Amino acid sequence: MKKFRTKRSILLLALLGIITAPGYNAQDDIPLSADEMKLKAQGAMRVGIDDAIVPDASAEHPLVVSRPEVQPLCKPATTLQPSQEIEVMNGYEATVLTNIQGPRKMIVDPVNHILVTGNDGLSSIRLDECGNTDTRLLMEQLDDGPIRYGVALYDGQLYVASSQSVWRFPYVDGQHTPLEGGELVLININAQNDFDIAIDPFGHIYIPRSASEENVLAEKHAIIKRFNVNAVPDDAYDYETDGEIFAYGTNVHGGMGFDAQGRLWGIDAPYQPFQRSDLGGEISPGGLAEEINVYEFPYMNYGFPYCFTEYDLQSYTAQAKGKGGQWGHPSFMNGTVDLDSYCEQSENNRQPAVPIAPMNSASAVHFYMGQFCSVGSDKTMGTSVGMPCNWTDTPIVAYRGNAGQADGHRVVHLPFDDLGHKPRWDKKEDVIFQTKQACVGEGCISPVGIAVDDYGRLLVSSQDTNEIFMIQRIYNVNAARLMTDKAIALEEAEELKEAALDNEKEEKEDEEEIIQGSSLEDEEEEDEEEDMIRANTLEDEDEDDEDMIRANSLEDDEEDYLEEGGEEQLPYYYYPMNK
């Protein structure tokens, strides 16, 4: 097999189960449980709040492979037509899974069994890999009233919410029979709207309570409280007097979700129109952001009802701060406190993780954990039927929309930064599912619940149309090979480009060496000429010096001889020239 130079291709091929990915070393000193050993043998691992099974990139053969025998490629025996024409992302397809009256929140148990709250109560949907369903009602209502929105699973117990309380029942994975033996967990919630239930791995149950803006006690009412379900009192918890306040000023609506780090996320509802003369008069919801918040640290304040988040106020005022800007609500402004400055301080008011476009009525946030994830493109299709692998541990959001308004009525994926794992406000949402034509009348598709099954297929409940949809990627048995061939071609092209640059560099260096060598030869010749001239000059100077010495010597001899009186005896060549 060809050796690749970049980690990107190695990771891609590892993801497709073709080669082993470098990286994490096995920690042999940490004993693995039987379940972990089994998953490790399969090239998988568990992550996140729900212990979702995802590919293990350090395995010799990661779980994400493109084998057709493990794909749910068959179709349901009966095809249900959607209430409206819908469209999905390129390379995906959607089907109506089943019809339930007013479906709300959905969860998927460890054996790929769907539980959903709705108008009729709590339903069980037994789902096979082809999408065939068998639906049964597990419970019509609770002792203190109808079943509402919230439902959660924890440690063999199914938690279900009414309008004012939370109950739990013994539950066996895949159970398709009525629930029995209920126990009251929490009472006296005094919720003004339906609320969700979220339970972390440590057994803490989080219960939000919303409030209306007109409520004079909104600050104390709009909170998230936390309780320990491992130590429920015999007479149940009382919301007003028990537990601890985990977050203030939240006003949470709809479904909450945990990310892989165990952080709780939720949606804070937008404000109704209000007047602020210094910002241009009436501020409509069109300028105000809905909020997706991460309740990362306990006991923090998220601003309701004192502060609001700007989405875009440029059409209202030149003072606009831009998306995510924090402002004081006019109902609480006075001469003693600069509420705008107060709201800008994070210790007073936490800025939202994601300010989302107004008028959409966000209704649920769910973090995809990479189950059966796929890679591919519009041309190759997918290596599996699941959601994209690069969406792992990022949120999918349902927008319910409002009756008579075209906004909303869709499901989107919010882009995150790969390195810092933070929301990217500057990137557009990926629209996964929506109506093909804008719906402005009654009976529009209204997503309120999101879940993902073990095959990575996205489940969406539409409350107003009584539908549950299933969205999956279009599978191509050759996608893995096409992606690999593309990666190889890119690598080879990159290598050829690098080789050409290296050759060009070498040729340039050779030319520079030749030029430098010629220059050195010329310099050496010039040096030799200079040396010869210098040598000749020195020889001439030496000869002149010798002649001078010889002449001086003869003059000295002549003087000596004349002093001795021997002029007449001097040879002719000793006579002075003037004689």
Protein backbone atom coordinates (compact mmCIF):
# COMPACT_ATOMS: atom_id res chain seq x y z
CA MET A 1 0.00 0.00 0.00
CA LYS A 2 1.19 3.48 -0.84
CA LYS A 3 2.66 5.43 2.04
CA PHE A 4 0.97 8.78 2.56
CA ARG A 5 2.63 11.85 3.87
CA THR A 6 -0.25 13.79 5.42
CA LYS A 7 -2.26 12.89 8.48
CA ARG A 8 -5.46 13.95 6.79
CA SER A 9 -5.41 11.07 4.34
CA ILE A 10 -4.33 8.61 7.01
CA LEU A 11 -7.26 9.65 9.19
CA LEU A 12 -9.66 9.48 6.27
CA LEU A 13 -8.56 5.98 5.36
CA ALA A 14 -8.71 4.95 9.00
CA LEU A 15 -12.23 6.29 9.20
CA LEU A 16 -13.17 4.10 6.27
CA GLY A 17 -11.65 1.05 7.93
CA ILE A 18 -8.87 0.71 5.34
CA ILE A 19 -5.78 1.43 7.42
CA THR A 20 -5.01 1.97 11.07
CA ALA A 21 -5.06 5.53 12.34
CA PRO A 22 -2.04 6.78 14.26
CA GLY A 23 -2.65 8.68 17.46
CA TYR A 24 -3.93 7.55 20.79
CA ASN A 25 -1.97 4.78 22.49
CA ALA A 26 -3.81 2.09 24.34
CA GLN A 27 -3.62 2.55 28.08
CA ASP A 28 -2.91 -1.04 29.03
CA ASP A 29 -2.61 -0.18 32.69
CA ILE A 30 -6.32 0.73 32.86
CA PRO A 31 -8.49 -2.40 32.99
CA LEU A 32 -11.40 -2.51 30.54
CA SER A 33 -14.87 -3.79 31.34
CA ALA A 34 -16.38 -6.66 29.36
CA ASP A 35 -18.53 -4.17 27.43
CA GLU A 36 -15.49 -2.01 26.64
CA MET A 37 -13.52 -5.06 25.51
CA LYS A 38 -16.35 -6.08 23.19
CA LEU A 39 -16.62 -2.59 21.75
CA LYS A 40 -12.85 -2.33 21.37
CA ALA A 41 -12.87 -5.57 19.37
CA GLN A 42 -15.49 -3.99 17.12
CA GLY A 43 -13.45 -0.80 16.67
CA ALA A 44 -15.82 1.32 18.72
CA MET A 45 -16.02 3.26 21.95
CA ARG A 46 -18.65 5.01 24.10
CA VAL A 47 -18.77 8.80 24.49
CA GLY A 48 -21.08 11.48 25.79
CA ILE A 49 -23.88 11.71 28.24
CA ASP A 50 -25.77 8.78 26.70
CA ASP A 51 -22.71 6.53 26.26
CA ALA A 52 -23.23 6.64 22.51
CA ILE A 53 -21.23 4.11 20.49
CA VAL A 54 -18.93 5.86 18.00
CA PRO A 55 -15.91 4.88 15.86
CA ASP A 56 -12.59 4.39 17.66
CA ALA A 57 -9.99 5.99 15.39
CA SER A 58 -7.18 4.20 17.25
CA ALA A 59 -8.61 0.77 16.41
CA GLU A 60 -7.11 -1.39 13.69
CA HIS A 61 -10.49 -1.46 11.96
CA PRO A 62 -12.74 1.40 13.12
CA LEU A 63 -16.45 0.81 13.36
CA VAL A 64 -17.30 3.13 10.46
CA VAL A 65 -16.95 0.93 7.39
CA SER A 66 -18.80 0.74 4.13
CA ARG A 67 -19.92 -2.88 4.22
CA PRO A 68 -23.43 -3.22 2.74
CA GLU A 69 -24.33 -6.14 5.00
CA VAL A 70 -24.40 -3.87 8.07
CA GLN A 71 -26.42 -1.09 6.44
CA PRO A 72 -30.22 -0.78 6.85
CA LEU A 73 -30.83 -0.68 3.11
CA CYS A 74 -34.28 -2.24 2.93
CA LYS A 75 -37.43 -0.10 2.70
CA PRO A 76 -40.61 -0.26 4.81
CA ALA A 77 -43.41 -2.45 3.54
CA THR A 78 -45.83 0.49 3.54
CA THR A 79 -44.95 3.95 2.27
CA LEU A 80 -46.61 6.89 4.03
CA GLN A 81 -47.01 10.13 2.13
CA PRO A 82 -45.97 13.36 3.90
CA SER A 83 -48.63 15.95 4.63
CA GLN A 84 -46.62 18.50 2.63
CA GLU A 85 -43.90 18.32 0.03
CA ILE A 86 -40.54 18.35 1.79
CA GLU A 87 -36.89 18.73 0.83
CA VAL A 88 -33.69 17.57 2.47
CA MET A 89 -29.96 18.19 2.08
CA ASN A 90 -28.30 16.96 -1.10
CA GLY A 91 -27.43 13.30 -0.77
CA TYR A 92 -30.14 12.59 1.82
CA GLU A 93 -33.68 11.23 1.75
CA ALA A 94 -36.66 11.51 4.11
CA THR A 95 -39.63 9.26 4.78
CA VAL A 96 -42.65 9.40 7.06
CA LEU A 97 -41.92 6.80 9.71
CA THR A 98 -45.34 6.76 11.37
CA ASN A 99 -48.24 8.93 12.49
CA ILE A 100 -48.94 9.79 16.14
CA GLN A 101 -51.31 12.41 17.46
CA GLY A 102 -49.35 15.53 18.44
CA PRO A 103 -45.89 13.91 18.86
CA ARG A 104 -43.48 15.88 21.03
CA LYS A 105 -40.21 14.69 22.56
CA MET A 106 -38.57 11.45 21.42
CA ILE A 107 -35.81 9.33 22.94
CA VAL A 108 -34.17 6.13 21.66
CA ASP A 109 -33.38 3.37 24.14
CA PRO A 110 -30.25 1.13 23.99
CA VAL A 111 -31.96 -1.42 21.70
CA ASN A 112 -33.04 1.21 19.13
CA HIS A 113 -36.59 1.45 20.46
CA ILE A 114 -38.34 4.84 20.19
CA LEU A 115 -40.33 6.41 23.03
CA VAL A 116 -42.39 9.51 22.28
CA THR A 117 -44.73 11.78 24.23
CA GLY A 118 -47.85 13.03 22.47
CA ASN A 119 -51.51 13.97 22.77
CA ASP A 120 -52.49 10.36 23.53
CA GLY A 121 -49.81 9.87 26.19
CA LEU A 122 -46.52 7.96 26.04
CA SER A 123 -46.09 5.71 22.99
CA SER A 124 -43.62 2.96 22.18
CA ILE A 125 -42.46 2.58 18.57
CA ARG A 126 -40.79 -0.73 17.77
CA LEU A 127 -38.60 -0.04 14.76
CA ASP A 128 -36.80 -2.51 12.50
CA GLU A 129 -33.87 -1.68 10.25
CA CYS A 130 -36.15 -1.26 7.22
CA GLY A 131 -38.25 1.42 8.91
CA ASN A 132 -41.29 -0.74 9.62
CA THR A 133 -42.95 0.30 12.86
CA ASP A 134 -45.26 -1.16 15.47
CA THR A 135 -46.71 1.50 17.78
CA ARG A 136 -48.33 0.89 21.15
CA LEU A 137 -49.47 3.18 23.94
CA LEU A 138 -47.48 2.53 27.13
CA MET A 139 -49.39 5.02 29.29
CA GLU A 140 -52.32 7.30 28.58
CA GLN A 141 -51.88 9.72 31.49
CA LEU A 142 -50.32 10.11 34.90
CA ASP A 143 -52.21 10.13 38.19
CA ASP A 144 -52.10 13.94 38.37
CA GLY A 145 -52.88 14.71 34.74
CA PRO A 146 -51.92 14.26 31.08
CA ILE A 147 -48.40 13.38 29.98
CA ARG A 148 -46.79 16.48 28.55
CA TYR A 149 -43.34 17.00 26.93
CA GLY A 150 -40.50 15.69 29.08
CA VAL A 151 -39.27 12.09 29.09
CA ALA A 152 -35.85 10.59 29.97
CA LEU A 153 -34.17 7.25 30.71
CA TYR A 154 -31.76 6.62 33.57
CA ASP A 155 -30.59 3.43 35.28
CA GLY A 156 -33.53 1.21 34.32
CA GLN A 157 -36.12 3.89 35.12
CA LEU A 158 -38.25 5.89 32.68
CA TYR A 159 -38.97 9.46 33.84
CA VAL A 160 -42.13 11.12 32.53
CA ALA A 161 -43.47 14.66 33.10
CA SER A 162 -46.99 15.96 33.60
CA SER A 163 -47.71 19.69 33.70
CA GLN A 164 -46.67 20.00 37.37
CA SER A 165 -44.74 16.88 38.35
CA VAL A 166 -42.27 14.14 37.35
CA TRP A 167 -42.89 10.40 37.73
CA ARG A 168 -40.67 7.37 37.14
CA PHE A 169 -41.42 3.77 36.20
CA PRO A 170 -39.34 0.58 35.94
CA TYR A 171 -38.38 0.07 32.30
CA VAL A 172 -36.76 -2.77 30.36
CA ASP A 173 -34.96 -1.86 27.12
CA GLY A 174 -37.31 -2.48 24.24
CA GLN A 175 -40.36 -2.66 26.49
CA HIS A 176 -43.56 -2.73 24.45
CA THR A 177 -46.06 -3.24 27.26
CA PRO A 178 -47.78 -0.74 29.58
CA LEU A 179 -45.77 0.92 32.35
CA GLU A 180 -46.53 -0.09 35.93
CA GLY A 181 -45.39 0.69 39.45
CA GLY A 182 -44.97 4.42 39.11
CA GLU A 183 -43.25 6.55 41.78
CA LEU A 184 -43.62 10.29 42.24
CA VAL A 185 -40.23 12.01 41.99
CA LEU A 186 -40.98 15.75 41.96
CA ILE A 187 -44.06 17.87 42.68
CA ASN A 188 -45.14 21.52 42.80
CA ILE A 189 -43.23 22.68 39.72
CA ASN A 190 -45.75 25.43 38.92
CA ALA A 191 -44.68 25.54 35.28
CA GLN A 192 -46.41 27.95 32.93
CA ASN A 193 -45.37 25.93 29.87
CA ASP A 194 -44.41 22.36 29.03
CA PHE A 195 -40.93 21.52 30.32
CA ASP A 196 -38.23 19.02 29.52
CA ILE A 197 -36.34 16.50 31.66
CA ALA A 198 -32.56 15.96 31.39
CA ILE A 199 -30.52 13.56 33.56
CA ASP A 200 -26.73 13.49 33.66
CA PRO A 201 -24.57 10.35 34.24
CA PHE A 202 -24.37 11.11 37.96
CA GLY A 203 -28.12 10.97 38.48
CA HIS A 204 -28.82 14.71 38.61
CA ILE A 205 -32.14 15.58 37.03
CA TYR A 206 -32.45 19.10 35.59
CA ILE A 207 -35.92 20.68 35.49
CA PRO A 208 -36.38 24.11 33.88
CA ARG A 209 -39.24 26.43 34.65
CA SER A 210 -40.20 29.30 32.37
CA ALA A 211 -42.07 32.52 33.09
CA SER A 212 -43.93 35.18 31.15
CA GLU A 213 -42.51 38.68 30.84
CA GLU A 214 -45.52 40.07 32.70
CA ASN A 215 -44.79 37.93 35.75
CA VAL A 216 -43.47 40.23 38.47
CA LEU A 217 -41.63 37.24 39.95
CA ALA A 218 -40.10 36.26 36.58
CA GLU A 219 -36.55 36.50 37.92
CA LYS A 220 -37.21 33.88 40.60
CA HIS A 221 -39.53 31.81 38.44
CA ALA A 222 -37.34 31.45 35.32
CA ILE A 223 -34.73 29.00 36.63
CA ILE A 224 -33.27 25.53 36.19
CA LYS A 225 -33.24 23.37 39.31
CA ARG A 226 -31.19 20.24 39.94
CA PHE A 227 -32.16 17.21 42.07
CA ASN A 228 -30.48 13.88 42.86
CA VAL A 229 -32.67 11.02 41.63
CA ASN A 230 -30.52 8.50 43.54
CA ALA A 231 -31.96 9.81 46.81
CA VAL A 232 -35.61 10.72 46.20
CA PRO A 233 -37.56 11.31 49.46
CA ASP A 234 -40.48 9.02 50.20
CA ASP A 235 -42.89 11.91 49.69
CA ALA A 236 -41.01 13.19 46.60
CA TYR A 237 -39.05 16.40 46.08
CA ASP A 238 -40.86 19.73 46.26
CA TYR A 239 -39.67 22.06 43.48
CA GLU A 240 -40.18 25.17 45.57
CA THR A 241 -38.30 24.06 48.67
CA ASP A 242 -35.92 21.24 47.64
CA GLY A 243 -33.02 20.83 45.25
CA GLU A 244 -30.59 23.55 44.19
CA ILE A 245 -30.91 26.34 41.67
CA PHE A 246 -28.47 25.44 38.90
CA ALA A 247 -29.10 28.48 36.66
CA TYR A 248 -30.99 31.78 36.97
CA GLY A 249 -32.72 33.94 34.36
CA THR A 250 -33.05 31.11 31.85
CA ASN A 251 -36.68 30.96 30.68
CA VAL A 252 -36.04 27.63 28.91
CA HIS A 253 -38.51 26.34 26.34
CA GLY A 254 -38.49 23.01 24.52
CA GLY A 255 -35.98 20.19 24.50
CA MET A 256 -32.59 20.37 26.23
CA GLY A 257 -29.52 18.27 25.45
CA PHE A 258 -26.07 17.31 26.73
CA ASP A 259 -22.88 17.48 24.69
CA ALA A 260 -20.04 14.96 24.91
CA GLN A 261 -18.48 16.93 27.80
CA GLY A 262 -21.69 16.56 29.82
CA ARG A 263 -22.62 20.24 29.48
CA LEU A 264 -26.32 21.07 29.44
CA TRP A 265 -27.68 23.13 26.53
CA GLY A 266 -31.11 24.71 26.14
CA ILE A 267 -33.21 27.29 24.29
CA ASP A 268 -34.31 30.56 25.87
CA ALA A 269 -37.46 32.05 24.36
CA PRO A 270 -37.40 35.49 22.70
CA TYR A 271 -39.18 38.59 23.99
CA GLN A 272 -42.38 40.10 22.71
CA PRO A 273 -42.20 43.56 21.02
CA PHE A 274 -41.41 46.49 23.34
CA GLN A 275 -40.66 50.22 23.20
CA ARG A 276 -37.20 51.82 23.64
CA SER A 277 -37.25 55.34 22.34
CA ASP A 278 -33.46 55.67 22.45
CA LEU A 279 -33.20 52.67 20.08
CA GLY A 280 -35.73 53.89 17.54
CA GLY A 281 -39.06 53.15 19.16
CA GLU A 282 -40.77 49.78 19.00
CA ILE A 283 -38.34 46.88 18.88
CA SER A 284 -40.07 43.98 17.17
CA PRO A 285 -39.02 40.34 17.49
CA GLY A 286 -37.34 40.74 14.09
CA GLY A 287 -34.42 42.53 15.75
CA LEU A 288 -34.20 40.26 18.79
CA ALA A 289 -32.31 36.97 18.90
CA GLU A 290 -33.58 33.70 20.21
CA GLU A 291 -30.91 32.14 22.39
CA ILE A 292 -29.21 28.79 22.59
CA ASN A 293 -27.35 28.69 25.88
CA VAL A 294 -24.82 26.33 27.37
CA TYR A 295 -25.32 26.08 31.14
CA GLU A 296 -21.71 25.18 31.68
CA PHE A 297 -21.16 26.50 35.17
CA PRO A 298 -23.65 26.32 38.05
CA TYR A 299 -25.30 29.32 39.68
CA MET A 300 -24.82 31.66 36.70
CA ASN A 301 -27.41 34.21 35.56
CA TYR A 302 -28.61 34.26 31.93
CA GLY A 303 -30.35 37.63 32.00
CA PHE A 304 -34.10 37.06 31.88
CA PRO A 305 -36.09 39.25 32.30
CA TYR A 306 -33.66 42.19 32.64
CA CYS A 307 -31.53 41.71 29.53
CA PHE A 308 -32.15 40.86 25.90
CA THR A 309 -29.90 39.75 23.04
CA GLU A 310 -29.60 41.64 19.77
CA TYR A 311 -29.79 39.78 16.48
CA ASP A 312 -29.71 42.84 14.22
CA LEU A 313 -30.79 46.33 15.31
CA GLN A 314 -29.12 48.23 12.47
CA SER A 315 -32.47 49.12 10.94
CA TYR A 316 -33.57 50.55 14.31
CA THR A 317 -30.58 52.51 15.55
CA ALA A 318 -27.02 53.58 14.74
CA GLN A 319 -26.07 52.33 18.20
CA ALA A 320 -26.53 48.70 17.13
CA LYS A 321 -23.89 46.41 18.67
CA GLY A 322 -24.30 43.55 16.23
CA LYS A 323 -25.32 39.93 16.66
CA GLY A 324 -25.08 38.83 20.28
CA GLY A 325 -25.01 42.36 21.71
CA GLN A 326 -26.52 42.67 25.19
CA TRP A 327 -29.06 45.34 26.14
CA GLY A 328 -31.24 46.24 29.09
CA HIS A 329 -34.99 45.66 28.85
CA PRO A 330 -36.87 49.00 29.12
CA SER A 331 -39.31 47.60 31.71
CA PHE A 332 -36.49 47.54 34.27
CA MET A 333 -34.52 50.67 33.32
CA ASN A 334 -34.31 53.53 35.82
CA GLY A 335 -32.02 56.34 36.86
CA THR A 336 -30.13 54.37 39.49
CA VAL A 337 -28.61 51.60 37.34
CA ASP A 338 -27.13 51.69 33.84
CA LEU A 339 -28.88 48.51 32.77
CA ASP A 340 -27.13 48.32 29.38
CA SER A 341 -23.73 48.28 31.09
CA TYR A 342 -25.03 45.85 33.71
CA CYS A 343 -26.18 43.41 31.01
CA GLU A 344 -22.81 43.55 29.25
CA GLN A 345 -21.04 42.14 32.32
CA SER A 346 -20.75 38.34 32.16
CA GLU A 347 -20.98 38.00 35.93
CA ASN A 348 -24.45 39.55 35.73
CA ASN A 349 -25.63 38.08 32.45
CA ARG A 350 -24.12 35.23 30.42
CA GLN A 351 -24.03 35.88 26.68
CA PRO A 352 -25.74 33.12 24.65
CA ALA A 353 -23.62 30.42 23.03
CA VAL A 354 -25.54 30.93 19.80
CA PRO A 355 -27.85 33.88 19.04
CA ILE A 356 -30.22 32.49 16.42
CA ALA A 357 -32.43 34.23 13.91
CA PRO A 358 -35.74 35.51 15.29
CA MET A 359 -39.23 34.32 14.39
CA ASN A 360 -38.18 30.65 14.09
CA SER A 361 -39.43 29.43 17.48
CA ALA A 362 -36.57 27.04 18.21
CA SER A 363 -38.04 24.05 20.00
CA ALA A 364 -35.28 21.48 20.67
CA VAL A 365 -31.50 21.09 20.65
CA HIS A 366 -29.86 17.67 20.31
CA PHE A 367 -26.15 16.82 20.11
CA TYR A 368 -25.27 14.17 17.53
CA MET A 369 -22.75 11.71 18.97
CA GLY A 370 -21.45 10.13 15.78
CA GLN A 371 -23.57 6.95 15.76
CA PHE A 372 -22.98 5.08 12.47
CA CYS A 373 -21.62 8.31 10.99
CA SER A 374 -20.79 8.67 7.31
CA VAL A 375 -18.42 10.49 5.02
CA GLY A 376 -18.99 11.39 1.41
CA SER A 377 -20.09 14.13 -0.94
CA ASP A 378 -22.90 14.95 -3.36
CA LYS A 379 -21.08 12.87 -5.98
CA THR A 380 -19.98 9.88 -3.92
CA MET A 381 -23.02 9.71 -1.61
CA GLY A 382 -22.33 8.24 1.85
CA THR A 383 -20.34 5.43 3.38
CA SER A 384 -23.33 4.76 5.65
CA VAL A 385 -26.88 6.00 6.19
CA GLY A 386 -25.90 8.10 9.22
CA MET A 387 -25.27 11.79 9.66
CA PRO A 388 -21.84 13.24 8.70
CA CYS A 389 -18.91 12.24 10.90
CA ASN A 390 -17.75 15.86 11.18
CA TRP A 391 -21.03 16.67 12.92
CA THR A 392 -20.05 14.57 15.92
CA ASP A 393 -20.66 16.44 19.20
CA THR A 394 -22.34 19.37 17.46
CA PRO A 395 -26.00 20.46 17.77
CA ILE A 396 -28.99 19.78 15.57
CA VAL A 397 -31.82 22.24 16.22
CA ALA A 398 -35.55 22.01 15.50
CA TYR A 399 -37.40 25.21 14.50
CA ARG A 400 -41.10 24.79 15.08
CA GLY A 401 -42.13 28.04 13.40
CA ASN A 402 -45.31 29.95 14.12
CA ALA A 403 -48.72 29.44 12.59
CA GLY A 404 -49.29 31.76 9.64
CA GLN A 405 -45.56 32.61 9.32
CA ALA A 406 -43.09 31.22 6.80
CA ASP A 407 -40.08 31.34 9.15
CA GLY A 408 -39.10 28.18 10.97
CA HIS A 409 -40.67 24.82 10.04
CA ARG A 410 -37.28 23.20 9.52
CA VAL A 411 -34.41 21.30 11.17
CA VAL A 412 -30.83 22.58 10.94
CA HIS A 413 -27.28 21.74 11.97
CA LEU A 414 -25.25 24.50 13.65
CA PRO A 415 -21.61 24.71 12.49
CA PHE A 416 -18.87 24.51 15.13
CA ASP A 417 -15.15 25.29 15.04
CA ASP A 418 -13.20 22.01 14.71
CA LEU A 419 -10.28 23.20 16.83
CA GLY A 420 -11.87 25.15 19.65
CA HIS A 421 -15.19 23.29 19.42
CA LYS A 422 -17.09 26.53 19.64
CA PRO A 423 -20.13 27.73 17.67
CA ARG A 424 -19.36 29.62 14.46
CA TRP A 425 -21.67 32.63 14.35
CA ASP A 426 -20.24 33.63 10.97
CA LYS A 427 -21.28 30.44 9.18
CA LYS A 428 -24.70 29.61 7.82
CA GLU A 429 -26.76 26.81 9.26
CA ASP A 430 -26.95 23.54 7.35
CA VAL A 431 -30.63 23.05 6.53
CA ILE A 432 -31.31 19.34 6.91
CA PHE A 433 -35.07 19.19 6.49
CA GLN A 434 -37.83 21.66 5.59
CA THR A 435 -41.00 22.12 3.59
CA LYS A 436 -40.39 22.70 -0.11
CA GLN A 437 -42.81 25.62 -0.23
CA ALA A 438 -43.14 28.21 2.52
CA CYS A 439 -46.09 27.30 4.73
CA VAL A 440 -48.12 30.23 6.02
CA GLY A 441 -51.43 28.61 6.89
CA GLU A 442 -52.57 26.12 9.49
CA GLY A 443 -51.19 22.61 9.70
CA CYS A 444 -47.58 23.42 8.79
CA ILE A 445 -44.80 20.99 9.54
CA SER A 446 -43.71 21.92 13.08
CA PRO A 447 -40.60 20.09 14.34
CA VAL A 448 -40.56 19.89 18.14
CA GLY A 449 -38.59 16.72 18.90
CA ILE A 450 -35.25 15.35 17.66
CA ALA A 451 -33.54 12.02 18.18
CA VAL A 452 -30.98 9.82 16.40
CA ASP A 453 -31.27 6.05 16.17
CA ASP A 454 -28.45 3.49 16.32
CA TYR A 455 -27.98 3.68 12.53
CA GLY A 456 -27.35 7.42 12.72
CA ARG A 457 -30.70 8.23 11.13
CA LEU A 458 -32.30 11.49 12.25
CA LEU A 459 -35.82 11.32 13.70
CA VAL A 460 -38.03 14.44 13.71
CA SER A 461 -41.48 14.80 15.27
CA SER A 462 -43.92 17.31 13.75
CA GLN A 463 -46.56 18.13 16.34
CA ASP A 464 -49.09 19.96 14.17
CA THR A 465 -49.08 17.38 11.34
CA ASN A 466 -48.97 14.27 13.58
CA GLU A 467 -45.91 12.90 11.75
CA ILE A 468 -42.57 11.40 12.67
CA PHE A 469 -39.97 11.68 9.92
CA MET A 470 -36.77 9.75 9.39
CA ILE A 471 -33.89 11.39 7.47
CA GLN A 472 -30.90 9.33 6.32
CA ARG A 473 -27.96 9.62 3.98
CA ILE A 474 -28.13 7.89 0.61
CA TYR A 475 -25.74 4.95 0.81
CA ASN A 476 -23.28 4.01 -1.93
CA VAL A 477 -21.34 0.75 -1.62
CA ASN A 478 -18.48 2.35 -3.57
CA ALA A 479 -18.38 5.59 -1.58
CA ALA A 480 -15.47 4.49 0.60
CA ARG A 481 -13.39 3.47 -2.41
CA LEU A 482 -14.27 6.66 -4.28
CA MET A 483 -13.31 8.76 -1.29
CA THR A 484 -10.09 6.82 -0.87
CA ASP A 485 -9.23 7.11 -4.57
CA LYS A 486 -9.91 10.83 -4.36
CA ALA A 487 -7.66 11.11 -1.31
CA ILE A 488 -4.91 9.15 -3.06
CA ALA A 489 -5.24 11.30 -6.18
CA LEU A 490 -5.02 14.46 -4.09
CA GLU A 491 -1.99 13.10 -2.26
CA GLU A 492 -0.27 12.14 -5.51
CA ALA A 493 -1.07 15.51 -7.05
CA GLU A 494 0.33 17.19 -3.96
CA GLU A 495 3.44 15.03 -4.11
CA LEU A 496 3.93 15.80 -7.81
CA LYS A 497 3.51 19.48 -7.06
CA GLU A 498 6.04 19.28 -4.24
CA ALA A 499 8.43 17.27 -6.46
CA ALA A 500 8.13 19.87 -9.24
CA LEU A 501 8.82 22.64 -6.74
CA ASP A 502 11.81 20.69 -5.38
CA ASN A 503 13.19 20.17 -8.93
CA GLU A 504 12.69 23.81 -9.74
CA LYS A 505 14.48 24.72 -6.54
CA GLU A 506 17.36 22.34 -7.29
CA GLU A 507 17.73 23.66 -10.85
CA LYS A 508 17.78 27.19 -9.54
CA GLU A 509 20.39 26.24 -6.96
CA ASP A 510 22.50 24.55 -9.69
CA GLU A 511 22.30 27.67 -11.86
CA GLU A 512 23.31 29.80 -8.91
CA GLU A 513 26.26 27.45 -8.23
CA ILE A 514 27.40 27.66 -11.90
CA ILE A 515 27.12 31.43 -11.84
CA GLN A 516 28.91 31.55 -8.52
CA GLY A 517 31.64 29.20 -9.84
CA SER A 518 32.22 31.32 -12.95
CA SER A 519 32.42 34.39 -10.80
CA LEU A 520 35.01 32.70 -8.57
CA GLU A 521 37.13 31.71 -11.61
CA ASP A 522 37.08 35.29 -12.91
CA GLU A 523 38.05 36.53 -9.49
CA GLU A 524 40.93 34.01 -9.34
CA GLU A 525 42.24 35.11 -12.79
CA GLU A 526 42.05 38.74 -11.72
CA ASP A 527 43.92 37.85 -8.53
CA GLU A 528 46.64 36.04 -10.56
CA GLU A 529 47.08 39.04 -12.89
CA GLU A 530 47.33 41.35 -9.91
CA ASP A 531 49.88 39.03 -8.30
CA MET A 532 51.97 38.95 -11.53
CA ILE A 533 51.90 42.73 -11.87
CA ARG A 534 52.83 43.02 -8.21
CA ALA A 535 55.70 40.54 -8.70
CA ASN A 536 57.03 42.37 -11.78
CA THR A 537 56.86 45.66 -9.96
CA LEU A 538 58.82 44.20 -7.07
CA GLU A 539 61.49 42.82 -9.46
CA ASP A 540 61.91 46.22 -11.14
CA GLU A 541 62.17 47.89 -7.79
CA ASP A 542 64.80 45.34 -6.69
CA GLU A 543 66.90 45.94 -9.86
CA ASP A 544 66.73 49.70 -9.38
CA ASP A 545 67.81 49.26 -5.79
CA GLU A 546 70.77 47.10 -6.85
CA ASP A 547 71.89 49.63 -9.50
CA MET A 548 71.65 52.37 -6.96
CA ILE A 549 73.71 50.38 -4.47
CA ARG A 550 76.31 49.55 -7.14
CA ALA A 551 76.54 53.20 -8.24
CA ASN A 552 76.91 54.36 -4.68
CA SER A 553 79.61 51.76 -4.11
CA LEU A 554 81.61 52.96 -7.15
CA GLU A 555 81.38 56.55 -6.03
CA ASP A 556 82.68 55.58 -2.63
CA ASP A 557 85.63 53.69 -4.21
CA GLU A 558 86.49 56.69 -6.40
CA GLU A 559 86.51 59.06 -3.50
CA ASP A 560 88.71 56.75 -1.52
CA TYR A 561 91.17 56.37 -4.36
CA LEU A 562 91.40 60.08 -5.07
CA GLU A 563 92.06 60.77 -1.47
CA GLU A 564 95.07 58.47 -1.76
CA GLY A 565 96.34 60.47 -4.90
CA GLY A 566 95.89 57.88 -7.49
CA GLU A 567 93.92 59.74 -10.06
CA GLU A 568 96.34 59.22 -12.95
CA GLN A 569 96.39 55.53 -12.39
CA LEU A 570 92.65 55.11 -12.50
CA PRO A 571 91.29 53.02 -15.36
CA TYR A 572 89.34 54.96 -17.92
CA TYR A 573 86.04 53.72 -16.63
CA TYR A 574 86.74 55.22 -13.20
CA TYR A 575 87.12 58.74 -14.53
CA PRO A 576 84.37 61.06 -13.54
CA MET A 577 82.07 62.00 -16.37
CA ASN A 578 82.91 65.68 -16.06
CA LYS A 579 86.58 65.18 -16.51
